[in-house]
Amino acid sequence: YILIRDVKVNGAEQYNLNYLEGKLKIKSPQLASFKEIQS
């Protein structure tokens, strides 16, 4: 488990941050497991 203070995305042009965060299901700051990150 780690505390994710921020999320940075590189390389996204056709897909906005809402879409990426919606798939990732991680809203910083959040205590997340590596299993959640991998999912």
Full PDB file with SEQRES, HELIX, SHEET, SSBOND, CRYST1, ORIGX, SCALE, CONECT and MASTER records, all heavy atoms in Angstrom:
SEQRES   1 A   39  TYR ILE LEU ILE ARG ASP VAL LYS VAL ASN GLY ALA GLU          
SEQRES   2 A   39  GLN TYR ASN LEU ASN TYR LEU GLU GLY LYS LEU LYS ILE          
SEQRES   3 A   39  LYS SER PRO GLN LEU ALA SER PHE LYS GLU ILE GLN SER          
HELIX    1 AA1 LEU A   17  LEU A   24  1                                   8    
HELIX    2 AA2 PHE A   34  GLN A   38  1                                   5    
SHEET    1 AA1 2 ILE A   2  ILE A   4  0                                        
SHEET    2 AA1 2 GLN A  30  ALA A  32 -1                                        
CRYST1    1.000    1.000    1.000  90.00  90.00  90.00 P 1           1          
ORIGX1      1.000000  0.000000  0.000000        0.00000                         
ORIGX2      0.000000  1.000000  0.000000        0.00000                         
ORIGX3      0.000000  0.000000  1.000000        0.00000                         
SCALE1      1.000000  0.000000  0.000000        0.00000                         
SCALE2      0.000000  1.000000  0.000000        0.00000                         
SCALE3      0.000000  0.000000  1.000000        0.00000                         
ATOM      1  N   TYR A   1       0.857  -1.191   0.000  1.00  0.00           N  
ATOM      2  CA  TYR A   1       0.000   0.000   0.000  1.00  0.00           C  
ATOM      3  C   TYR A   1       0.891   1.237   0.000  1.00  0.00           C  
ATOM      4  O   TYR A   1       1.888   1.289   0.725  1.00  0.00           O  
ATOM      5  CB  TYR A   1      -0.921   0.035   1.227  1.00  0.00           C  
ATOM      6  CG  TYR A   1      -2.067  -0.932   1.162  1.00  0.00           C  
ATOM      7  CD1 TYR A   1      -1.901  -2.252   1.584  1.00  0.00           C  
ATOM      8  CD2 TYR A   1      -3.316  -0.539   0.666  1.00  0.00           C  
ATOM      9  CE1 TYR A   1      -2.956  -3.159   1.516  1.00  0.00           C  
ATOM     10  CE2 TYR A   1      -4.367  -1.436   0.604  1.00  0.00           C  
ATOM     11  CZ  TYR A   1      -4.183  -2.735   1.029  1.00  0.00           C  
ATOM     12  OH  TYR A   1      -5.224  -3.627   0.957  1.00  0.00           O  
ATOM     13  N   ILE A   2       0.532   2.221  -0.805  1.00  0.00           N  
ATOM     14  CA  ILE A   2       1.281   3.471  -0.836  1.00  0.00           C  
ATOM     15  C   ILE A   2       0.291   4.633  -0.941  1.00  0.00           C  
ATOM     16  O   ILE A   2      -0.836   4.476  -1.429  1.00  0.00           O  
ATOM     17  CB  ILE A   2       2.263   3.535  -2.025  1.00  0.00           C  
ATOM     18  CG1 ILE A   2       1.518   3.381  -3.347  1.00  0.00           C  
ATOM     19  CG2 ILE A   2       3.353   2.494  -1.887  1.00  0.00           C  
ATOM     20  CD1 ILE A   2       2.373   3.666  -4.546  1.00  0.00           C  
ATOM     21  N   LEU A   3       0.739   5.792  -0.489  1.00  0.00           N  
ATOM     22  CA  LEU A   3      -0.076   6.998  -0.590  1.00  0.00           C  
ATOM     23  C   LEU A   3       0.265   7.704  -1.901  1.00  0.00           C  
ATOM     24  O   LEU A   3       1.394   8.164  -2.080  1.00  0.00           O  
ATOM     25  CB  LEU A   3       0.188   7.927   0.597  1.00  0.00           C  
ATOM     26  CG  LEU A   3      -0.566   9.271   0.557  1.00  0.00           C  
ATOM     27  CD1 LEU A   3      -2.075   9.054   0.563  1.00  0.00           C  
ATOM     28  CD2 LEU A   3      -0.141  10.155   1.726  1.00  0.00           C  
ATOM     29  N   ILE A   4      -0.690   7.756  -2.802  1.00  0.00           N  
ATOM     30  CA  ILE A   4      -0.494   8.447  -4.076  1.00  0.00           C  
ATOM     31  C   ILE A   4      -0.944   9.886  -3.903  1.00  0.00           C  
ATOM     32  O   ILE A   4      -2.132  10.167  -3.749  1.00  0.00           O  
ATOM     33  CB  ILE A   4      -1.270   7.744  -5.204  1.00  0.00           C  
ATOM     34  CG1 ILE A   4      -0.723   6.326  -5.398  1.00  0.00           C  
ATOM     35  CG2 ILE A   4      -1.169   8.536  -6.504  1.00  0.00           C  
ATOM     36  CD1 ILE A   4      -1.471   5.517  -6.416  1.00  0.00           C  
ATOM     37  N   ARG A   5       0.037  10.787  -3.906  1.00  0.00           N  
ATOM     38  CA  ARG A   5      -0.243  12.195  -3.694  1.00  0.00           C  
ATOM     39  C   ARG A   5      -0.692  12.875  -4.980  1.00  0.00           C  
ATOM     40  O   ARG A   5      -1.459  13.836  -4.966  1.00  0.00           O  
ATOM     41  CB  ARG A   5       1.008  12.882  -3.129  1.00  0.00           C  
ATOM     42  CG  ARG A   5       0.865  14.360  -2.830  1.00  0.00           C  
ATOM     43  CD  ARG A   5      -0.234  14.633  -1.823  1.00  0.00           C  
ATOM     44  NE  ARG A   5       0.079  14.060  -0.512  1.00  0.00           N  
ATOM     45  CZ  ARG A   5      -0.758  14.112   0.507  1.00  0.00           C  
ATOM     46  NH1 ARG A   5      -1.956  14.668   0.364  1.00  0.00           N  
ATOM     47  NH2 ARG A   5      -0.435  13.583   1.675  1.00  0.00           N  
ATOM     48  N   ASP A   6      -0.233  12.359  -6.132  1.00  0.00           N  
ATOM     49  CA  ASP A   6      -0.567  13.002  -7.404  1.00  0.00           C  
ATOM     50  C   ASP A   6      -0.495  11.972  -8.520  1.00  0.00           C  
ATOM     51  O   ASP A   6       0.186  10.947  -8.390  1.00  0.00           O  
ATOM     52  CB  ASP A   6       0.407  14.157  -7.672  1.00  0.00           C  
ATOM     53  CG  ASP A   6      -0.091  15.090  -8.786  1.00  0.00           C  
ATOM     54  OD1 ASP A   6      -1.287  14.986  -9.142  1.00  0.00           O  
ATOM     55  OD2 ASP A   6       0.709  15.893  -9.281  1.00  0.00           O  
ATOM     56  N   VAL A   7      -1.198  12.239  -9.610  1.00  0.00           N  
ATOM     57  CA  VAL A   7      -1.171  11.390 -10.801  1.00  0.00           C  
ATOM     58  C   VAL A   7      -0.766  12.245 -11.988  1.00  0.00           C  
ATOM     59  O   VAL A   7      -1.342  13.306 -12.227  1.00  0.00           O  
ATOM     60  CB  VAL A   7      -2.535  10.732 -11.066  1.00  0.00           C  
ATOM     61  CG1 VAL A   7      -2.492   9.913 -12.357  1.00  0.00           C  
ATOM     62  CG2 VAL A   7      -2.952   9.839  -9.902  1.00  0.00           C  
ATOM     63  N   LYS A   8       0.234  11.786 -12.722  1.00  0.00           N  
ATOM     64  CA  LYS A   8       0.701  12.487 -13.913  1.00  0.00           C  
ATOM     65  C   LYS A   8       0.571  11.553 -15.106  1.00  0.00           C  
ATOM     66  O   LYS A   8       0.899  10.370 -15.014  1.00  0.00           O  
ATOM     67  CB  LYS A   8       2.158  12.915 -13.734  1.00  0.00           C  
ATOM     68  CG  LYS A   8       2.759  13.622 -14.937  1.00  0.00           C  
ATOM     69  CD  LYS A   8       4.234  13.949 -14.686  1.00  0.00           C  
ATOM     70  CE  LYS A   8       4.867  14.590 -15.915  1.00  0.00           C  
ATOM     71  NZ  LYS A   8       6.321  14.853 -15.707  1.00  0.00           N  
ATOM     72  N   VAL A   9       0.082  12.080 -16.229  1.00  0.00           N  
ATOM     73  CA  VAL A   9      -0.125  11.259 -17.427  1.00  0.00           C  
ATOM     74  C   VAL A   9       0.680  11.845 -18.574  1.00  0.00           C  
ATOM     75  O   VAL A   9       0.585  13.044 -18.878  1.00  0.00           O  
ATOM     76  CB  VAL A   9      -1.614  11.179 -17.807  1.00  0.00           C  
ATOM     77  CG1 VAL A   9      -1.787  10.319 -19.059  1.00  0.00           C  
ATOM     78  CG2 VAL A   9      -2.430  10.606 -16.655  1.00  0.00           C  
ATOM     79  N   ASN A  10       1.477  11.007 -19.224  1.00  0.00           N  
ATOM     80  CA  ASN A  10       2.228  11.395 -20.416  1.00  0.00           C  
ATOM     81  C   ASN A  10       1.687  10.651 -21.625  1.00  0.00           C  
ATOM     82  O   ASN A  10       1.316   9.483 -21.530  1.00  0.00           O  
ATOM     83  CB  ASN A  10       3.716  11.060 -20.259  1.00  0.00           C  
ATOM     84  CG  ASN A  10       4.333  11.692 -19.040  1.00  0.00           C  
ATOM     85  OD1 ASN A  10       4.095  12.861 -18.763  1.00  0.00           O  
ATOM     86  ND2 ASN A  10       5.116  10.923 -18.291  1.00  0.00           N  
ATOM     87  N   GLY A  11       1.652  11.313 -22.766  1.00  0.00           N  
ATOM     88  CA  GLY A  11       1.335  10.641 -24.021  1.00  0.00           C  
ATOM     89  C   GLY A  11      -0.122  10.633 -24.427  1.00  0.00           C  
ATOM     90  O   GLY A  11      -0.463  10.132 -25.499  1.00  0.00           O  
ATOM     91  N   ALA A  12      -1.010  11.179 -23.590  1.00  0.00           N  
ATOM     92  CA  ALA A  12      -2.441  11.160 -23.919  1.00  0.00           C  
ATOM     93  C   ALA A  12      -2.791  12.376 -24.768  1.00  0.00           C  
ATOM     94  O   ALA A  12      -2.574  13.513 -24.353  1.00  0.00           O  
ATOM     95  CB  ALA A  12      -3.279  11.141 -22.657  1.00  0.00           C  
ATOM     96  N   GLU A  13      -3.329  12.130 -25.942  1.00  0.00           N  
ATOM     97  CA  GLU A  13      -3.764  13.210 -26.828  1.00  0.00           C  
ATOM     98  C   GLU A  13      -5.249  13.101 -27.152  1.00  0.00           C  
ATOM     99  O   GLU A  13      -5.974  14.084 -27.113  1.00  0.00           O  
ATOM    100  CB  GLU A  13      -2.937  13.195 -28.119  1.00  0.00           C  
ATOM    101  CG  GLU A  13      -1.450  13.486 -27.902  1.00  0.00           C  
ATOM    102  CD  GLU A  13      -0.667  13.444 -29.193  1.00  0.00           C  
ATOM    103  OE1 GLU A  13      -1.301  13.243 -30.259  1.00  0.00           O  
ATOM    104  OE2 GLU A  13       0.572  13.614 -29.151  1.00  0.00           O  
ATOM    105  N   GLN A  14      -5.694  11.892 -27.450  1.00  0.00           N  
ATOM    106  CA  GLN A  14      -7.077  11.682 -27.864  1.00  0.00           C  
ATOM    107  C   GLN A  14      -8.006  11.391 -26.689  1.00  0.00           C  
ATOM    108  O   GLN A  14      -9.219  11.394 -26.856  1.00  0.00           O  
ATOM    109  CB  GLN A  14      -7.158  10.518 -28.865  1.00  0.00           C  
ATOM    110  CG  GLN A  14      -6.403  10.750 -30.162  1.00  0.00           C  
ATOM    111  CD  GLN A  14      -6.986  11.893 -30.966  1.00  0.00           C  
ATOM    112  OE1 GLN A  14      -8.195  12.084 -31.016  1.00  0.00           O  
ATOM    113  NE2 GLN A  14      -6.115  12.674 -31.590  1.00  0.00           N  
ATOM    114  N   TYR A  15      -7.421  11.154 -25.511  1.00  0.00           N  
ATOM    115  CA  TYR A  15      -8.241  10.774 -24.357  1.00  0.00           C  
ATOM    116  C   TYR A  15      -7.943  11.729 -23.214  1.00  0.00           C  
ATOM    117  O   TYR A  15      -6.781  11.918 -22.831  1.00  0.00           O  
ATOM    118  CB  TYR A  15      -7.955   9.316 -23.958  1.00  0.00           C  
ATOM    119  CG  TYR A  15      -8.298   8.358 -25.065  1.00  0.00           C  
ATOM    120  CD1 TYR A  15      -7.339   7.996 -26.010  1.00  0.00           C  
ATOM    121  CD2 TYR A  15      -9.584   7.862 -25.208  1.00  0.00           C  
ATOM    122  CE1 TYR A  15      -7.651   7.148 -27.055  1.00  0.00           C  
ATOM    123  CE2 TYR A  15      -9.912   7.011 -26.249  1.00  0.00           C  
ATOM    124  CZ  TYR A  15      -8.941   6.663 -27.172  1.00  0.00           C  
ATOM    125  OH  TYR A  15      -9.257   5.823 -28.207  1.00  0.00           O  
ATOM    126  N   ASN A  16      -9.007  12.317 -22.653  1.00  0.00           N  
ATOM    127  CA  ASN A  16      -8.812  13.342 -21.636  1.00  0.00           C  
ATOM    128  C   ASN A  16      -8.605  12.721 -20.247  1.00  0.00           C  
ATOM    129  O   ASN A  16      -8.750  11.516 -20.041  1.00  0.00           O  
ATOM    130  CB  ASN A  16      -9.975  14.342 -21.631  1.00  0.00           C  
ATOM    131  CG  ASN A  16     -11.324  13.667 -21.387  1.00  0.00           C  
ATOM    132  OD1 ASN A  16     -11.426  12.700 -20.647  1.00  0.00           O  
ATOM    133  ND2 ASN A  16     -12.366  14.179 -22.026  1.00  0.00           N  
ATOM    134  N   LEU A  17      -8.278  13.591 -19.284  1.00  0.00           N  
ATOM    135  CA  LEU A  17      -7.948  13.136 -17.939  1.00  0.00           C  
ATOM    136  C   LEU A  17      -9.138  12.471 -17.255  1.00  0.00           C  
ATOM    137  O   LEU A  17      -8.975  11.514 -16.498  1.00  0.00           O  
ATOM    138  CB  LEU A  17      -7.441  14.315 -17.104  1.00  0.00           C  
ATOM    139  CG  LEU A  17      -6.846  13.962 -15.737  1.00  0.00           C  
ATOM    140  CD1 LEU A  17      -5.665  13.014 -15.890  1.00  0.00           C  
ATOM    141  CD2 LEU A  17      -6.422  15.217 -14.994  1.00  0.00           C  
ATOM    142  N   ASN A  18     -10.353  12.985 -17.502  1.00  0.00           N  
ATOM    143  CA  ASN A  18     -11.544  12.361 -16.910  1.00  0.00           C  
ATOM    144  C   ASN A  18     -11.660  10.903 -17.320  1.00  0.00           C  
ATOM    145  O   ASN A  18     -11.957  10.019 -16.517  1.00  0.00           O  
ATOM    146  CB  ASN A  18     -12.805  13.119 -17.331  1.00  0.00           C  
ATOM    147  CG  ASN A  18     -13.026  14.369 -16.501  1.00  0.00           C  
ATOM    148  OD1 ASN A  18     -12.633  14.415 -15.346  1.00  0.00           O  
ATOM    149  ND2 ASN A  18     -13.635  15.374 -17.093  1.00  0.00           N  
ATOM    150  N   TYR A  19     -11.429  10.645 -18.607  1.00  0.00           N  
ATOM    151  CA  TYR A  19     -11.507   9.280 -19.112  1.00  0.00           C  
ATOM    152  C   TYR A  19     -10.433   8.411 -18.455  1.00  0.00           C  
ATOM    153  O   TYR A  19     -10.710   7.296 -17.980  1.00  0.00           O  
ATOM    154  CB  TYR A  19     -11.327   9.266 -20.624  1.00  0.00           C  
ATOM    155  CG  TYR A  19     -11.230   7.885 -21.215  1.00  0.00           C  
ATOM    156  CD1 TYR A  19     -12.381   7.143 -21.491  1.00  0.00           C  
ATOM    157  CD2 TYR A  19      -9.993   7.303 -21.489  1.00  0.00           C  
ATOM    158  CE1 TYR A  19     -12.297   5.864 -22.025  1.00  0.00           C  
ATOM    159  CE2 TYR A  19      -9.904   6.026 -22.014  1.00  0.00           C  
ATOM    160  CZ  TYR A  19     -11.048   5.316 -22.284  1.00  0.00           C  
ATOM    161  OH  TYR A  19     -10.955   4.051 -22.795  1.00  0.00           O  
ATOM    162  N   LEU A  20      -9.189   8.910 -18.411  1.00  0.00           N  
ATOM    163  CA  LEU A  20      -8.079   8.129 -17.868  1.00  0.00           C  
ATOM    164  C   LEU A  20      -8.270   7.847 -16.381  1.00  0.00           C  
ATOM    165  O   LEU A  20      -8.070   6.718 -15.919  1.00  0.00           O  
ATOM    166  CB  LEU A  20      -6.768   8.881 -18.105  1.00  0.00           C  
ATOM    167  CG  LEU A  20      -6.352   8.998 -19.577  1.00  0.00           C  
ATOM    168  CD1 LEU A  20      -5.285  10.064 -19.750  1.00  0.00           C  
ATOM    169  CD2 LEU A  20      -5.849   7.672 -20.100  1.00  0.00           C  
ATOM    170  N   GLU A  21      -8.671   8.859 -15.625  1.00  0.00           N  
ATOM    171  CA  GLU A  21      -8.891   8.646 -14.190  1.00  0.00           C  
ATOM    172  C   GLU A  21     -10.092   7.744 -13.941  1.00  0.00           C  
ATOM    173  O   GLU A  21     -10.114   6.978 -12.976  1.00  0.00           O  
ATOM    174  CB  GLU A  21      -9.076   9.988 -13.488  1.00  0.00           C  
ATOM    175  CG  GLU A  21      -7.788  10.805 -13.369  1.00  0.00           C  
ATOM    176  CD  GLU A  21      -7.988  12.063 -12.535  1.00  0.00           C  
ATOM    177  OE1 GLU A  21      -9.151  12.498 -12.386  1.00  0.00           O  
ATOM    178  OE2 GLU A  21      -6.982  12.598 -12.040  1.00  0.00           O  
ATOM    179  N   GLY A  22     -11.091   7.841 -14.829  1.00  0.00           N  
ATOM    180  CA  GLY A  22     -12.258   6.973 -14.686  1.00  0.00           C  
ATOM    181  C   GLY A  22     -11.898   5.512 -14.852  1.00  0.00           C  
ATOM    182  O   GLY A  22     -12.444   4.635 -14.167  1.00  0.00           O  
ATOM    183  N   LYS A  23     -10.978   5.211 -15.776  1.00  0.00           N  
ATOM    184  CA  LYS A  23     -10.521   3.831 -15.952  1.00  0.00           C  
ATOM    185  C   LYS A  23      -9.591   3.408 -14.820  1.00  0.00           C  
ATOM    186  O   LYS A  23      -9.655   2.288 -14.325  1.00  0.00           O  
ATOM    187  CB  LYS A  23      -9.788   3.687 -17.291  1.00  0.00           C  
ATOM    188  CG  LYS A  23     -10.659   3.860 -18.505  1.00  0.00           C  
ATOM    189  CD  LYS A  23     -11.670   2.753 -18.617  1.00  0.00           C  
ATOM    190  CE  LYS A  23     -12.548   2.931 -19.838  1.00  0.00           C  
ATOM    191  NZ  LYS A  23     -13.741   2.080 -19.779  1.00  0.00           N  
ATOM    192  N   LEU A  24      -8.709   4.329 -14.425  1.00  0.00           N  
ATOM    193  CA  LEU A  24      -7.730   4.013 -13.397  1.00  0.00           C  
ATOM    194  C   LEU A  24      -8.386   3.817 -12.031  1.00  0.00           C  
ATOM    195  O   LEU A  24      -7.935   3.019 -11.208  1.00  0.00           O  
ATOM    196  CB  LEU A  24      -6.691   5.130 -13.329  1.00  0.00           C  
ATOM    197  CG  LEU A  24      -5.418   4.864 -12.544  1.00  0.00           C  
ATOM    198  CD1 LEU A  24      -4.643   3.708 -13.145  1.00  0.00           C  
ATOM    199  CD2 LEU A  24      -4.555   6.122 -12.512  1.00  0.00           C  
ATOM    200  N   LYS A  25      -9.474   4.567 -11.771  1.00  0.00           N  
ATOM    201  CA  LYS A  25     -10.199   4.508 -10.497  1.00  0.00           C  
ATOM    202  C   LYS A  25      -9.318   4.923  -9.314  1.00  0.00           C  
ATOM    203  O   LYS A  25      -9.456   4.398  -8.208  1.00  0.00           O  
ATOM    204  CB  LYS A  25     -10.766   3.102 -10.242  1.00  0.00           C  
ATOM    205  CG  LYS A  25     -11.649   2.563 -11.355  1.00  0.00           C  
ATOM    206  CD  LYS A  25     -12.874   3.400 -11.589  1.00  0.00           C  
ATOM    207  CE  LYS A  25     -13.757   2.799 -12.684  1.00  0.00           C  
ATOM    208  NZ  LYS A  25     -14.846   3.675 -13.087  1.00  0.00           N  
ATOM    209  N   ILE A  26      -8.409   5.863  -9.572  1.00  0.00           N  
ATOM    210  CA  ILE A  26      -7.583   6.405  -8.500  1.00  0.00           C  
ATOM    211  C   ILE A  26      -7.661   7.920  -8.561  1.00  0.00           C  
ATOM    212  O   ILE A  26      -7.315   8.522  -9.574  1.00  0.00           O  
ATOM    213  CB  ILE A  26      -6.120   5.947  -8.612  1.00  0.00           C  
ATOM    214  CG1 ILE A  26      -6.019   4.439  -8.356  1.00  0.00           C  
ATOM    215  CG2 ILE A  26      -5.228   6.717  -7.640  1.00  0.00           C  
ATOM    216  CD1 ILE A  26      -4.636   3.878  -8.509  1.00  0.00           C  
ATOM    217  N   LYS A  27      -8.169   8.513  -7.504  1.00  0.00           N  
ATOM    218  CA  LYS A  27      -8.272   9.964  -7.387  1.00  0.00           C  
ATOM    219  C   LYS A  27      -7.319  10.406  -6.286  1.00  0.00           C  
ATOM    220  O   LYS A  27      -7.512  10.077  -5.121  1.00  0.00           O  
ATOM    221  CB  LYS A  27      -9.708  10.371  -7.032  1.00  0.00           C  
ATOM    222  CG  LYS A  27     -10.606  10.605  -8.238  1.00  0.00           C  
ATOM    223  CD  LYS A  27     -10.380  11.980  -8.821  1.00  0.00           C  
ATOM    224  CE  LYS A  27     -11.484  12.328  -9.831  1.00  0.00           C  
ATOM    225  NZ  LYS A  27     -11.256  13.641 -10.441  1.00  0.00           N  
ATOM    226  N   SER A  28      -6.262  11.117  -6.661  1.00  0.00           N  
ATOM    227  CA  SER A  28      -5.287  11.543  -5.666  1.00  0.00           C  
ATOM    228  C   SER A  28      -5.856  12.698  -4.827  1.00  0.00           C  
ATOM    229  O   SER A  28      -6.661  13.493  -5.318  1.00  0.00           O  
ATOM    230  CB  SER A  28      -4.010  11.996  -6.375  1.00  0.00           C  
ATOM    231  OG  SER A  28      -4.288  13.037  -7.299  1.00  0.00           O  
ATOM    232  N   PRO A  29      -5.425  12.786  -3.551  1.00  0.00           N  
ATOM    233  CA  PRO A  29      -4.587  11.812  -2.830  1.00  0.00           C  
ATOM    234  C   PRO A  29      -5.392  10.590  -2.408  1.00  0.00           C  
ATOM    235  O   PRO A  29      -6.537  10.714  -2.006  1.00  0.00           O  
ATOM    236  CB  PRO A  29      -4.102  12.608  -1.618  1.00  0.00           C  
ATOM    237  CG  PRO A  29      -5.198  13.597  -1.374  1.00  0.00           C  
ATOM    238  CD  PRO A  29      -5.763  13.963  -2.707  1.00  0.00           C  
ATOM    239  N   GLN A  30      -4.767   9.434  -2.529  1.00  0.00           N  
ATOM    240  CA  GLN A  30      -5.459   8.194  -2.190  1.00  0.00           C  
ATOM    241  C   GLN A  30      -4.460   7.145  -1.736  1.00  0.00           C  
ATOM    242  O   GLN A  30      -3.389   6.987  -2.339  1.00  0.00           O  
ATOM    243  CB  GLN A  30      -6.236   7.669  -3.410  1.00  0.00           C  
ATOM    244  CG  GLN A  30      -6.961   6.353  -3.166  1.00  0.00           C  
ATOM    245  CD  GLN A  30      -7.751   5.898  -4.384  1.00  0.00           C  
ATOM    246  OE1 GLN A  30      -8.232   6.708  -5.165  1.00  0.00           O  
ATOM    247  NE2 GLN A  30      -7.878   4.599  -4.553  1.00  0.00           N  
ATOM    248  N   LEU A  31      -4.805   6.432  -0.666  1.00  0.00           N  
ATOM    249  CA  LEU A  31      -4.021   5.281  -0.244  1.00  0.00           C  
ATOM    250  C   LEU A  31      -4.466   4.101  -1.103  1.00  0.00           C  
ATOM    251  O   LEU A  31      -5.616   3.674  -1.040  1.00  0.00           O  
ATOM    252  CB  LEU A  31      -4.251   4.986   1.238  1.00  0.00           C  
ATOM    253  CG  LEU A  31      -3.417   3.830   1.822  1.00  0.00           C  
ATOM    254  CD1 LEU A  31      -1.937   4.175   1.810  1.00  0.00           C  
ATOM    255  CD2 LEU A  31      -3.890   3.497   3.232  1.00  0.00           C  
ATOM    256  N   ALA A  32      -3.548   3.612  -1.912  1.00  0.00           N  
ATOM    257  CA  ALA A  32      -3.912   2.574  -2.879  1.00  0.00           C  
ATOM    258  C   ALA A  32      -2.971   1.387  -2.749  1.00  0.00           C  
ATOM    259  O   ALA A  32      -1.787   1.533  -2.425  1.00  0.00           O  
ATOM    260  CB  ALA A  32      -3.864   3.126  -4.295  1.00  0.00           C  
ATOM    261  N   SER A  33      -3.499   0.212  -3.000  1.00  0.00           N  
ATOM    262  CA  SER A  33      -2.674  -0.990  -3.036  1.00  0.00           C  
ATOM    263  C   SER A  33      -2.128  -1.171  -4.448  1.00  0.00           C  
ATOM    264  O   SER A  33      -2.667  -0.630  -5.420  1.00  0.00           O  
ATOM    265  CB  SER A  33      -3.493  -2.220  -2.639  1.00  0.00           C  
ATOM    266  OG  SER A  33      -4.471  -2.501  -3.639  1.00  0.00           O  
ATOM    267  N   PHE A  34      -1.059  -1.937  -4.560  1.00  0.00           N  
ATOM    268  CA  PHE A  34      -0.519  -2.228  -5.879  1.00  0.00           C  
ATOM    269  C   PHE A  34      -1.521  -3.033  -6.698  1.00  0.00           C  
ATOM    270  O   PHE A  34      -1.536  -2.952  -7.925  1.00  0.00           O  
ATOM    271  CB  PHE A  34       0.814  -2.962  -5.767  1.00  0.00           C  
ATOM    272  CG  PHE A  34       1.977  -2.047  -5.551  1.00  0.00           C  
ATOM    273  CD1 PHE A  34       2.397  -1.740  -4.276  1.00  0.00           C  
ATOM    274  CD2 PHE A  34       2.630  -1.463  -6.620  1.00  0.00           C  
ATOM    275  CE1 PHE A  34       3.455  -0.884  -4.061  1.00  0.00           C  
ATOM    276  CE2 PHE A  34       3.688  -0.597  -6.422  1.00  0.00           C  
ATOM    277  CZ  PHE A  34       4.111  -0.309  -5.139  1.00  0.00           C  
ATOM    278  N   LYS A  35      -2.352  -3.806  -6.028  1.00  0.00           N  
ATOM    279  CA  LYS A  35      -3.393  -4.547  -6.735  1.00  0.00           C  
ATOM    280  C   LYS A  35      -4.381  -3.587  -7.392  1.00  0.00           C  
ATOM    281  O   LYS A  35      -4.804  -3.792  -8.536  1.00  0.00           O  
ATOM    282  CB  LYS A  35      -4.123  -5.479  -5.761  1.00  0.00           C  
ATOM    283  CG  LYS A  35      -5.168  -6.360  -6.416  1.00  0.00           C  
ATOM    284  CD  LYS A  35      -5.800  -7.314  -5.414  1.00  0.00           C  
ATOM    285  CE  LYS A  35      -6.836  -8.204  -6.085  1.00  0.00           C  
ATOM    286  NZ  LYS A  35      -7.473  -9.138  -5.118  1.00  0.00           N  
ATOM    287  N   GLU A  36      -4.727  -2.505  -6.683  1.00  0.00           N  
ATOM    288  CA  GLU A  36      -5.634  -1.506  -7.252  1.00  0.00           C  
ATOM    289  C   GLU A  36      -4.980  -0.779  -8.421  1.00  0.00           C  
ATOM    290  O   GLU A  36      -5.620  -0.510  -9.446  1.00  0.00           O  
ATOM    291  CB  GLU A  36      -6.037  -0.503  -6.172  1.00  0.00           C  
ATOM    292  CG  GLU A  36      -6.961  -1.059  -5.113  1.00  0.00           C  
ATOM    293  CD  GLU A  36      -7.220  -0.072  -3.995  1.00  0.00           C  
ATOM    294  OE1 GLU A  36      -6.251   0.474  -3.427  1.00  0.00           O  
ATOM    295  OE2 GLU A  36      -8.408   0.158  -3.676  1.00  0.00           O  
ATOM    296  N   ILE A  37      -3.692  -0.452  -8.258  1.00  0.00           N  
ATOM    297  CA  ILE A  37      -2.972   0.211  -9.347  1.00  0.00           C  
ATOM    298  C   ILE A  37      -2.933  -0.696 -10.570  1.00  0.00           C  
ATOM    299  O   ILE A  37      -3.211  -0.267 -11.692  1.00  0.00           O  
ATOM    300  CB  ILE A  37      -1.547   0.585  -8.901  1.00  0.00           C  
ATOM    301  CG1 ILE A  37      -1.591   1.626  -7.773  1.00  0.00           C  
ATOM    302  CG2 ILE A  37      -0.740   1.128 -10.080  1.00  0.00           C  
ATOM    303  CD1 ILE A  37      -0.240   1.894  -7.144  1.00  0.00           C  
ATOM    304  N   GLN A  38      -2.593  -1.968 -10.346  1.00  0.00           N  
ATOM    305  CA  GLN A  38      -2.494  -2.897 -11.464  1.00  0.00           C  
ATOM    306  C   GLN A  38      -3.848  -3.114 -12.135  1.00  0.00           C  
ATOM    307  O   GLN A  38      -3.932  -3.215 -13.362  1.00  0.00           O  
ATOM    308  CB  GLN A  38      -1.935  -4.236 -10.985  1.00  0.00           C  
ATOM    309  CG  GLN A  38      -1.509  -5.170 -12.097  1.00  0.00           C  
ATOM    310  CD  GLN A  38      -0.442  -4.555 -12.963  1.00  0.00           C  
ATOM    311  OE1 GLN A  38       0.657  -4.271 -12.510  1.00  0.00           O  
ATOM    312  NE2 GLN A  38      -0.758  -4.322 -14.221  1.00  0.00           N  
ATOM    313  N   SER A  39      -4.911  -3.160 -11.337  1.00  0.00           N  
ATOM    314  CA  SER A  39      -6.250  -3.306 -11.923  1.00  0.00           C  
ATOM    315  C   SER A  39      -6.583  -2.103 -12.801  1.00  0.00           C  
ATOM    316  O   SER A  39      -7.182  -2.247 -13.872  1.00  0.00           O  
ATOM    317  CB  SER A  39      -7.298  -3.451 -10.809  1.00  0.00           C  
ATOM    318  OG  SER A  39      -7.118  -4.658 -10.106  1.00  0.00           O  
TER     319      SER A  39                                                      
MASTER        0    0    0    2    2    0    0    6  318    1    0    3          
END                                                                             
